[in-house]
Amino acid sequence: MAEPFPHFSDPCLLPNGRTWTAEFESYDMRTDAAYYYVTVGGGGASAFFVRVGARGGVPDRDDLLAQIAVHAEAGQPNTDYEGSVMWQIRHS
């Protein structure tokens, strides 16, 4: 059985020629939102968190892909979330 919140570790191509990857960080059951750490490669590389709707904790992979891609293309987060304490420890 596939995990409900996949990682997108293979680079996804954006219309502007840049690529992005996304790593699942956490799920907030209270707000039904998932948080992904998105890394955009290419000129002016950046990394940030994106909040996506999770559709009852069982999101559709294509829907997640589309939601994340919008923010990856814009190069902007849609949340001020900075990751859990454990995330910060693992990535420091």
Protein backbone atom coordinates (compact mmCIF):
# COMPACT_ATOMS: atom_id res chain seq x y z
CA MET A 1 0.00 0.00 0.00
CA ALA A 2 1.32 3.42 -0.93
CA GLU A 3 1.89 6.00 1.75
CA PRO A 4 -0.93 8.57 1.88
CA PHE A 5 1.54 11.45 1.70
CA PRO A 6 4.15 10.69 -0.95
CA HIS A 7 7.51 12.33 -1.36
CA PHE A 8 8.23 13.85 -4.75
CA SER A 9 11.94 13.11 -4.93
CA ASP A 10 12.21 12.89 -8.72
CA PRO A 11 12.62 16.42 -10.12
CA CYS A 12 9.39 17.78 -11.63
CA LEU A 13 9.82 20.16 -14.54
CA LEU A 14 8.22 23.62 -14.41
CA PRO A 15 7.15 25.60 -17.51
CA ASN A 16 10.05 28.02 -16.92
CA GLY A 17 12.58 25.17 -17.21
CA ARG A 18 13.36 24.98 -13.50
CA THR A 19 12.66 21.84 -11.46
CA TRP A 20 11.27 21.13 -8.03
CA THR A 21 11.16 18.33 -5.48
CA ALA A 22 9.06 18.06 -2.33
CA GLU A 23 9.44 16.12 0.90
CA PHE A 24 6.42 15.44 3.11
CA GLU A 25 6.98 16.96 6.54
CA SER A 26 3.74 16.64 8.51
CA TYR A 27 -0.03 16.37 8.52
CA ASP A 28 -2.29 18.53 10.70
CA MET A 29 -5.47 16.55 11.30
CA ARG A 30 -7.17 19.52 12.93
CA THR A 31 -6.96 21.64 9.76
CA ASP A 32 -6.70 18.74 7.28
CA ALA A 33 -3.53 20.21 5.83
CA ALA A 34 -0.23 18.64 4.87
CA TYR A 35 3.08 20.45 4.85
CA TYR A 36 5.76 19.81 2.26
CA TYR A 37 9.30 21.13 2.10
CA VAL A 38 9.75 22.23 -1.50
CA THR A 39 13.11 22.75 -3.14
CA VAL A 40 13.19 24.63 -6.44
CA GLY A 41 16.33 24.12 -8.51
CA GLY A 42 17.88 26.15 -11.25
CA GLY A 43 18.72 29.85 -11.27
CA GLY A 44 17.95 31.42 -7.92
CA ALA A 45 17.40 28.08 -6.17
CA SER A 46 15.13 28.28 -3.14
CA ALA A 47 13.49 26.10 -0.51
CA PHE A 48 10.35 26.68 1.53
CA PHE A 49 7.31 25.04 3.08
CA VAL A 50 3.98 24.71 1.28
CA ARG A 51 0.63 23.93 2.91
CA VAL A 52 -1.71 21.77 0.83
CA GLY A 53 -5.24 20.49 1.38
CA ALA A 54 -5.19 16.82 2.37
CA ARG A 55 -8.78 15.77 1.61
CA GLY A 56 -9.47 13.85 4.79
CA GLY A 57 -5.95 12.54 5.25
CA VAL A 58 -6.06 10.53 2.01
CA PRO A 59 -5.06 12.99 -0.70
CA ASP A 60 -4.89 12.21 -4.39
CA ARG A 61 -1.28 12.14 -5.62
CA ASP A 62 -2.10 14.14 -8.76
CA ASP A 63 -3.95 16.75 -6.69
CA LEU A 64 -0.96 17.10 -4.34
CA LEU A 65 1.35 17.39 -7.33
CA ALA A 66 -0.77 20.18 -8.82
CA GLN A 67 -1.10 22.09 -5.54
CA ILE A 68 2.63 21.97 -4.86
CA ALA A 69 3.55 22.86 -8.46
CA VAL A 70 1.61 26.14 -8.27
CA HIS A 71 3.75 27.35 -5.38
CA ALA A 72 6.97 25.87 -6.76
CA GLU A 73 6.45 27.78 -10.01
CA ALA A 74 5.78 31.00 -8.10
CA GLY A 75 8.83 30.31 -5.92
CA GLN A 76 6.83 31.37 -2.88
CA PRO A 77 5.58 29.64 0.26
CA ASN A 78 1.90 29.88 1.13
CA THR A 79 2.46 29.49 4.87
CA ASP A 80 4.69 30.84 7.60
CA TYR A 81 5.20 27.29 8.90
CA GLU A 82 8.90 26.57 9.50
CA GLY A 83 8.75 22.86 10.25
CA SER A 84 8.40 20.83 13.42
CA VAL A 85 11.13 20.80 16.04
CA MET A 86 12.14 17.32 14.86
CA TRP A 87 12.33 18.56 11.26
CA GLN A 88 14.58 21.41 12.30
CA ILE A 89 16.84 19.08 14.30
CA ARG A 90 17.15 16.59 11.42
CA HIS A 91 17.91 19.34 8.90
CA SER A 92 20.27 21.55 10.93
